[in-house]
Amino acid sequence: MSKKLLTLALAVAFMASTATVSMAAKIKCTVDGVEGDKVTMTCDGADKLKAGDKVEVKAKSGKAIEGC
């Protein structure tokens, strides 16, 4: 009985630790400039970021163009 409780407790602890690590902050930014492979952005909540953080940028998708 105690082995089952210990296994359950460890499984819950593992799931909780991986769930908190995988959460990402959503920050809205505006592109100010582009020079080659460098992009300069102004972001709301930029204080949550620090140098060396890996970020994923998704461009706002445009509307579909419909023809006749």
PDB file of N, CA and C in Angstrom:
ATOM      1  N   MET A   1       0.815  -1.188   0.000  1.00  0.00           N
ATOM      2  CA  MET A   1       0.000   0.000   0.000  1.00  0.00           C
ATOM      3  C   MET A   1       0.863   1.259   0.000  1.00  0.00           C
ATOM      4  N   SER A   2       1.927   1.275   0.787  1.00  0.00           N
ATOM      5  CA  SER A   2       2.773   2.460   0.860  1.00  0.00           C
ATOM      6  C   SER A   2       3.564   2.660  -0.437  1.00  0.00           C
ATOM      7  N   LYS A   3       3.904   1.570  -1.133  1.00  0.00           N
ATOM      8  CA  LYS A   3       4.601   1.703  -2.414  1.00  0.00           C
ATOM      9  C   LYS A   3       3.711   2.392  -3.436  1.00  0.00           C
ATOM     10  N   LYS A   4       2.409   2.068  -3.427  1.00  0.00           N
ATOM     11  CA  LYS A   4       1.471   2.693  -4.359  1.00  0.00           C
ATOM     12  C   LYS A   4       1.336   4.183  -4.067  1.00  0.00           C
ATOM     13  N   LEU A   5       1.256   4.547  -2.788  1.00  0.00           N
ATOM     14  CA  LEU A   5       1.149   5.957  -2.419  1.00  0.00           C
ATOM     15  C   LEU A   5       2.419   6.717  -2.779  1.00  0.00           C
ATOM     16  N   LEU A   6       3.564   6.102  -2.549  1.00  0.00           N
ATOM     17  CA  LEU A   6       4.831   6.732  -2.894  1.00  0.00           C
ATOM     18  C   LEU A   6       4.946   6.928  -4.400  1.00  0.00           C
ATOM     19  N   THR A   7       4.561   5.927  -5.167  1.00  0.00           N
ATOM     20  CA  THR A   7       4.587   6.021  -6.627  1.00  0.00           C
ATOM     21  C   THR A   7       3.646   7.116  -7.109  1.00  0.00           C
ATOM     22  N   LEU A   8       2.462   7.182  -6.530  1.00  0.00           N
ATOM     23  CA  LEU A   8       1.494   8.212  -6.900  1.00  0.00           C
ATOM     24  C   LEU A   8       2.024   9.603  -6.563  1.00  0.00           C
ATOM     25  N   ALA A   9       2.617   9.754  -5.388  1.00  0.00           N
ATOM     26  CA  ALA A   9       3.162  11.051  -4.976  1.00  0.00           C
ATOM     27  C   ALA A   9       4.291  11.489  -5.903  1.00  0.00           C
ATOM     28  N   LEU A  10       5.167  10.572  -6.272  1.00  0.00           N
ATOM     29  CA  LEU A  10       6.263  10.910  -7.178  1.00  0.00           C
ATOM     30  C   LEU A  10       5.748  11.266  -8.567  1.00  0.00           C
ATOM     31  N   ALA A  11       4.725  10.558  -9.040  1.00  0.00           N
ATOM     32  CA  ALA A  11       4.149  10.855 -10.351  1.00  0.00           C
ATOM     33  C   ALA A  11       3.509  12.236 -10.364  1.00  0.00           C
ATOM     34  N   VAL A  12       2.793  12.577  -9.307  1.00  0.00           N
ATOM     35  CA  VAL A  12       2.161  13.901  -9.218  1.00  0.00           C
ATOM     36  C   VAL A  12       3.228  14.991  -9.145  1.00  0.00           C
ATOM     37  N   ALA A  13       4.283  14.771  -8.386  1.00  0.00           N
ATOM     38  CA  ALA A  13       5.360  15.755  -8.278  1.00  0.00           C
ATOM     39  C   ALA A  13       6.044  15.960  -9.625  1.00  0.00           C
ATOM     40  N   PHE A  14       6.262  14.876 -10.363  1.00  0.00           N
ATOM     41  CA  PHE A  14       6.892  14.980 -11.682  1.00  0.00           C
ATOM     42  C   PHE A  14       6.010  15.763 -12.642  1.00  0.00           C
ATOM     43  N   MET A  15       4.717  15.460 -12.648  1.00  0.00           N
ATOM     44  CA  MET A  15       3.794  16.157 -13.546  1.00  0.00           C
ATOM     45  C   MET A  15       3.716  17.640 -13.205  1.00  0.00           C
ATOM     46  N   ALA A  16       3.724  17.972 -11.933  1.00  0.00           N
ATOM     47  CA  ALA A  16       3.659  19.373 -11.518  1.00  0.00           C
ATOM     48  C   ALA A  16       4.921  20.124 -11.924  1.00  0.00           C
ATOM     49  N   SER A  17       6.075  19.488 -11.802  1.00  0.00           N
ATOM     50  CA  SER A  17       7.328  20.170 -12.152  1.00  0.00           C
ATOM     51  C   SER A  17       7.448  20.382 -13.653  1.00  0.00           C
ATOM     52  N   THR A  18       7.007  19.432 -14.466  1.00  0.00           N
ATOM     53  CA  THR A  18       7.087  19.613 -15.919  1.00  0.00           C
ATOM     54  C   THR A  18       6.037  20.593 -16.410  1.00  0.00           C
ATOM     55  N   ALA A  19       4.905  20.677 -15.754  1.00  0.00           N
ATOM     56  CA  ALA A  19       3.853  21.610 -16.173  1.00  0.00           C
ATOM     57  C   ALA A  19       4.284  23.047 -15.933  1.00  0.00           C
ATOM     58  N   THR A  20       4.980  23.320 -14.841  1.00  0.00           N
ATOM     59  CA  THR A  20       5.391  24.694 -14.561  1.00  0.00           C
ATOM     60  C   THR A  20       6.529  25.125 -15.469  1.00  0.00           C
ATOM     61  N   VAL A  21       7.383  24.214 -15.879  1.00  0.00           N
ATOM     62  CA  VAL A  21       8.499  24.559 -16.757  1.00  0.00           C
ATOM     63  C   VAL A  21       8.012  24.840 -18.171  1.00  0.00           C
ATOM     64  N   SER A  22       6.988  24.135 -18.627  1.00  0.00           N
ATOM     65  CA  SER A  22       6.560  24.259 -20.010  1.00  0.00           C
ATOM     66  C   SER A  22       5.648  25.456 -20.267  1.00  0.00           C
ATOM     67  N   MET A  23       5.200  26.143 -19.229  1.00  0.00           N
ATOM     68  CA  MET A  23       4.349  27.310 -19.443  1.00  0.00           C
ATOM     69  C   MET A  23       5.187  28.457 -19.986  1.00  0.00           C
ATOM     70  N   ALA A  24       4.654  29.138 -20.985  1.00  0.00           N
ATOM     71  CA  ALA A  24       5.381  30.236 -21.595  1.00  0.00           C
ATOM     72  C   ALA A  24       4.598  31.525 -21.414  1.00  0.00           C
ATOM     73  N   ALA A  25       5.328  32.617 -21.332  1.00  0.00           N
ATOM     74  CA  ALA A  25       4.685  33.920 -21.238  1.00  0.00           C
ATOM     75  C   ALA A  25       4.310  34.392 -22.633  1.00  0.00           C
ATOM     76  N   LYS A  26       3.158  35.015 -22.739  1.00  0.00           N
ATOM     77  CA  LYS A  26       2.738  35.591 -24.012  1.00  0.00           C
ATOM     78  C   LYS A  26       2.926  37.091 -23.898  1.00  0.00           C
ATOM     79  N   ILE A  27       3.789  37.621 -24.726  1.00  0.00           N
ATOM     80  CA  ILE A  27       4.100  39.043 -24.710  1.00  0.00           C
ATOM     81  C   ILE A  27       3.833  39.597 -26.102  1.00  0.00           C
ATOM     82  N   LYS A  28       3.104  40.701 -26.166  1.00  0.00           N
ATOM     83  CA  LYS A  28       2.817  41.324 -27.458  1.00  0.00           C
ATOM     84  C   LYS A  28       3.902  42.343 -27.764  1.00  0.00           C
ATOM     85  N   CYS A  29       4.400  42.303 -29.014  1.00  0.00           N
ATOM     86  CA  CYS A  29       5.487  43.182 -29.435  1.00  0.00           C
ATOM     87  C   CYS A  29       5.157  43.847 -30.763  1.00  0.00           C
ATOM     88  N   THR A  30       5.847  44.948 -31.020  1.00  0.00           N
ATOM     89  CA  THR A  30       5.767  45.643 -32.297  1.00  0.00           C
ATOM     90  C   THR A  30       7.178  45.718 -32.863  1.00  0.00           C
ATOM     91  N   VAL A  31       7.333  45.346 -34.130  1.00  0.00           N
ATOM     92  CA  VAL A  31       8.647  45.377 -34.772  1.00  0.00           C
ATOM     93  C   VAL A  31       8.994  46.820 -35.105  1.00  0.00           C
ATOM     94  N   ASP A  32      10.166  47.272 -34.629  1.00  0.00           N
ATOM     95  CA  ASP A  32      10.634  48.631 -34.891  1.00  0.00           C
ATOM     96  C   ASP A  32      11.569  48.685 -36.088  1.00  0.00           C
ATOM     97  N   GLY A  33      12.383  47.660 -36.263  1.00  0.00           N
ATOM     98  CA  GLY A  33      13.330  47.671 -37.367  1.00  0.00           C
ATOM     99  C   GLY A  33      13.903  46.296 -37.632  1.00  0.00           C
ATOM    100  N   VAL A  34      14.388  46.124 -38.869  1.00  0.00           N
ATOM    101  CA  VAL A  34      15.009  44.869 -39.277  1.00  0.00           C
ATOM    102  C   VAL A  34      16.295  45.207 -40.011  1.00  0.00           C
ATOM    103  N   GLU A  35      17.415  44.626 -39.560  1.00  0.00           N
ATOM    104  CA  GLU A  35      18.714  44.793 -40.215  1.00  0.00           C
ATOM    105  C   GLU A  35      19.315  43.410 -40.404  1.00  0.00           C
ATOM    106  N   GLY A  36      19.242  42.884 -41.617  1.00  0.00           N
ATOM    107  CA  GLY A  36      19.772  41.545 -41.881  1.00  0.00           C
ATOM    108  C   GLY A  36      19.020  40.508 -41.076  1.00  0.00           C
ATOM    109  N   ASP A  37      19.738  39.848 -40.143  1.00  0.00           N
ATOM    110  CA  ASP A  37      19.076  38.838 -39.320  1.00  0.00           C
ATOM    111  C   ASP A  37      18.767  39.343 -37.909  1.00  0.00           C
ATOM    112  N   LYS A  38      18.865  40.664 -37.679  1.00  0.00           N
ATOM    113  CA  LYS A  38      18.539  41.256 -36.383  1.00  0.00           C
ATOM    114  C   LYS A  38      17.208  41.982 -36.477  1.00  0.00           C
ATOM    115  N   VAL A  39      16.345  41.728 -35.508  1.00  0.00           N
ATOM    116  CA  VAL A  39      15.034  42.370 -35.444  1.00  0.00           C
ATOM    117  C   VAL A  39      14.948  43.132 -34.127  1.00  0.00           C
ATOM    118  N   THR A  40      14.559  44.401 -34.204  1.00  0.00           N
ATOM    119  CA  THR A  40      14.375  45.218 -33.014  1.00  0.00           C
ATOM    120  C   THR A  40      12.881  45.353 -32.756  1.00  0.00           C
ATOM    121  N   MET A  41      12.464  45.028 -31.525  1.00  0.00           N
ATOM    122  CA  MET A  41      11.044  45.070 -31.179  1.00  0.00           C
ATOM    123  C   MET A  41      10.831  45.845 -29.886  1.00  0.00           C
ATOM    124  N   THR A  42       9.665  46.461 -29.770  1.00  0.00           N
ATOM    125  CA  THR A  42       9.223  47.072 -28.526  1.00  0.00           C
ATOM    126  C   THR A  42       8.112  46.186 -27.983  1.00  0.00           C
ATOM    127  N   CYS A  43       8.283  45.714 -26.741  1.00  0.00           N
ATOM    128  CA  CYS A  43       7.345  44.739 -26.186  1.00  0.00           C
ATOM    129  C   CYS A  43       6.723  45.237 -24.890  1.00  0.00           C
ATOM    130  N   ASP A  44       5.432  44.931 -24.722  1.00  0.00           N
ATOM    131  CA  ASP A  44       4.763  45.154 -23.445  1.00  0.00           C
ATOM    132  C   ASP A  44       5.184  44.017 -22.525  1.00  0.00           C
ATOM    133  N   GLY A  45       5.641  44.330 -21.339  1.00  0.00           N
ATOM    134  CA  GLY A  45       6.060  43.291 -20.399  1.00  0.00           C
ATOM    135  C   GLY A  45       7.439  42.740 -20.700  1.00  0.00           C
ATOM    136  N   ALA A  46       8.302  43.550 -21.317  1.00  0.00           N
ATOM    137  CA  ALA A  46       9.651  43.089 -21.661  1.00  0.00           C
ATOM    138  C   ALA A  46      10.497  42.825 -20.419  1.00  0.00           C
ATOM    139  N   ASP A  47      10.058  43.320 -19.267  1.00  0.00           N
ATOM    140  CA  ASP A  47      10.815  43.083 -18.036  1.00  0.00           C
ATOM    141  C   ASP A  47      10.803  41.614 -17.626  1.00  0.00           C
ATOM    142  N   LYS A  48       9.927  40.814 -18.248  1.00  0.00           N
ATOM    143  CA  LYS A  48       9.881  39.375 -17.968  1.00  0.00           C
ATOM    144  C   LYS A  48      10.964  38.620 -18.732  1.00  0.00           C
ATOM    145  N   LEU A  49      11.594  39.272 -19.703  1.00  0.00           N
ATOM    146  CA  LEU A  49      12.631  38.636 -20.518  1.00  0.00           C
ATOM    147  C   LEU A  49      14.006  39.032 -20.013  1.00  0.00           C
ATOM    148  N   LYS A  50      14.992  38.181 -20.314  1.00  0.00           N
ATOM    149  CA  LYS A  50      16.377  38.528 -19.998  1.00  0.00           C
ATOM    150  C   LYS A  50      17.260  38.070 -21.149  1.00  0.00           C
ATOM    151  N   ALA A  51      18.445  38.596 -21.229  1.00  0.00           N
ATOM    152  CA  ALA A  51      19.367  38.270 -22.317  1.00  0.00           C
ATOM    153  C   ALA A  51      19.646  36.777 -22.326  1.00  0.00           C
ATOM    154  N   GLY A  52      19.585  36.174 -23.501  1.00  0.00           N
ATOM    155  CA  GLY A  52      19.849  34.755 -23.650  1.00  0.00           C
ATOM    156  C   GLY A  52      18.605  33.886 -23.636  1.00  0.00           C
ATOM    157  N   ASP A  53      17.437  34.469 -23.321  1.00  0.00           N
ATOM    158  CA  ASP A  53      16.190  33.694 -23.350  1.00  0.00           C
ATOM    159  C   ASP A  53      15.868  33.293 -24.777  1.00  0.00           C
ATOM    160  N   LYS A  54      15.378  32.074 -24.946  1.00  0.00           N
ATOM    161  CA  LYS A  54      14.923  31.627 -26.262  1.00  0.00           C
ATOM    162  C   LYS A  54      13.466  32.025 -26.407  1.00  0.00           C
ATOM    163  N   VAL A  55      13.139  32.624 -27.537  1.00  0.00           N
ATOM    164  CA  VAL A  55      11.772  33.067 -27.785  1.00  0.00           C
ATOM    165  C   VAL A  55      11.288  32.525 -29.117  1.00  0.00           C
ATOM    166  N   GLU A  56       9.987  32.416 -29.239  1.00  0.00           N
ATOM    167  CA  GLU A  56       9.366  31.992 -30.493  1.00  0.00           C
ATOM    168  C   GLU A  56       8.506  33.149 -30.969  1.00  0.00           C
ATOM    169  N   VAL A  57       8.718  33.557 -32.205  1.00  0.00           N
ATOM    170  CA  VAL A  57       7.990  34.694 -32.760  1.00  0.00           C
ATOM    171  C   VAL A  57       7.070  34.188 -33.854  1.00  0.00           C
ATOM    172  N   LYS A  58       5.806  34.575 -33.767  1.00  0.00           N
ATOM    173  CA  LYS A  58       4.841  34.224 -34.800  1.00  0.00           C
ATOM    174  C   LYS A  58       4.355  35.520 -35.432  1.00  0.00           C
ATOM    175  N   ALA A  59       4.477  35.603 -36.748  1.00  0.00           N
ATOM    176  CA  ALA A  59       4.014  36.792 -37.457  1.00  0.00           C
ATOM    177  C   ALA A  59       2.498  36.771 -37.545  1.00  0.00           C
ATOM    178  N   LYS A  60       1.916  37.946 -37.487  1.00  0.00           N
ATOM    179  CA  LYS A  60       0.469  38.050 -37.618  1.00  0.00           C
ATOM    180  C   LYS A  60       0.102  37.671 -39.039  1.00  0.00           C
ATOM    181  N   SER A  61      -0.833  36.737 -39.184  1.00  0.00           N
ATOM    182  CA  SER A  61      -1.187  36.267 -40.522  1.00  0.00           C
ATOM    183  C   SER A  61      -2.124  37.262 -41.193  1.00  0.00           C
ATOM    184  N   GLY A  62      -1.929  37.428 -42.497  1.00  0.00           N
ATOM    185  CA  GLY A  62      -2.770  38.336 -43.266  1.00  0.00           C
ATOM    186  C   GLY A  62      -4.060  37.666 -43.684  1.00  0.00           C
ATOM    187  N   LYS A  63      -4.997  38.466 -44.140  1.00  0.00           N
ATOM    188  CA  LYS A  63      -6.275  37.927 -44.599  1.00  0.00           C
ATOM    189  C   LYS A  63      -6.110  37.339 -45.988  1.00  0.00           C
ATOM    190  N   ALA A  64      -6.918  36.355 -46.291  1.00  0.00           N
ATOM    191  CA  ALA A  64      -6.881  35.716 -47.606  1.00  0.00           C
ATOM    192  C   ALA A  64      -7.417  36.683 -48.659  1.00  0.00           C
ATOM    193  N   ILE A  65      -6.805  36.654 -49.829  1.00  0.00           N
ATOM    194  CA  ILE A  65      -7.247  37.492 -50.938  1.00  0.00           C
ATOM    195  C   ILE A  65      -8.187  36.662 -51.795  1.00  0.00           C
ATOM    196  N   GLU A  66      -9.383  37.180 -51.978  1.00  0.00           N
ATOM    197  CA  GLU A  66     -10.368  36.460 -52.777  1.00  0.00           C
ATOM    198  C   GLU A  66     -10.450  37.084 -54.163  1.00  0.00           C
ATOM    199  N   GLY A  67     -10.488  36.236 -55.155  1.00  0.00           N
ATOM    200  CA  GLY A  67     -10.597  36.713 -56.535  1.00  0.00           C
ATOM    201  C   GLY A  67     -11.967  36.416 -57.110  1.00  0.00           C
ATOM    202  N   CYS A  68     -12.169  36.852 -58.322  1.00  0.00           N
ATOM    203  CA  CYS A  68     -13.467  36.637 -58.981  1.00  0.00           C
ATOM    204  C   CYS A  68     -13.540  35.249 -59.566  1.00  0.00           C
TER     205      CYS A  68
END
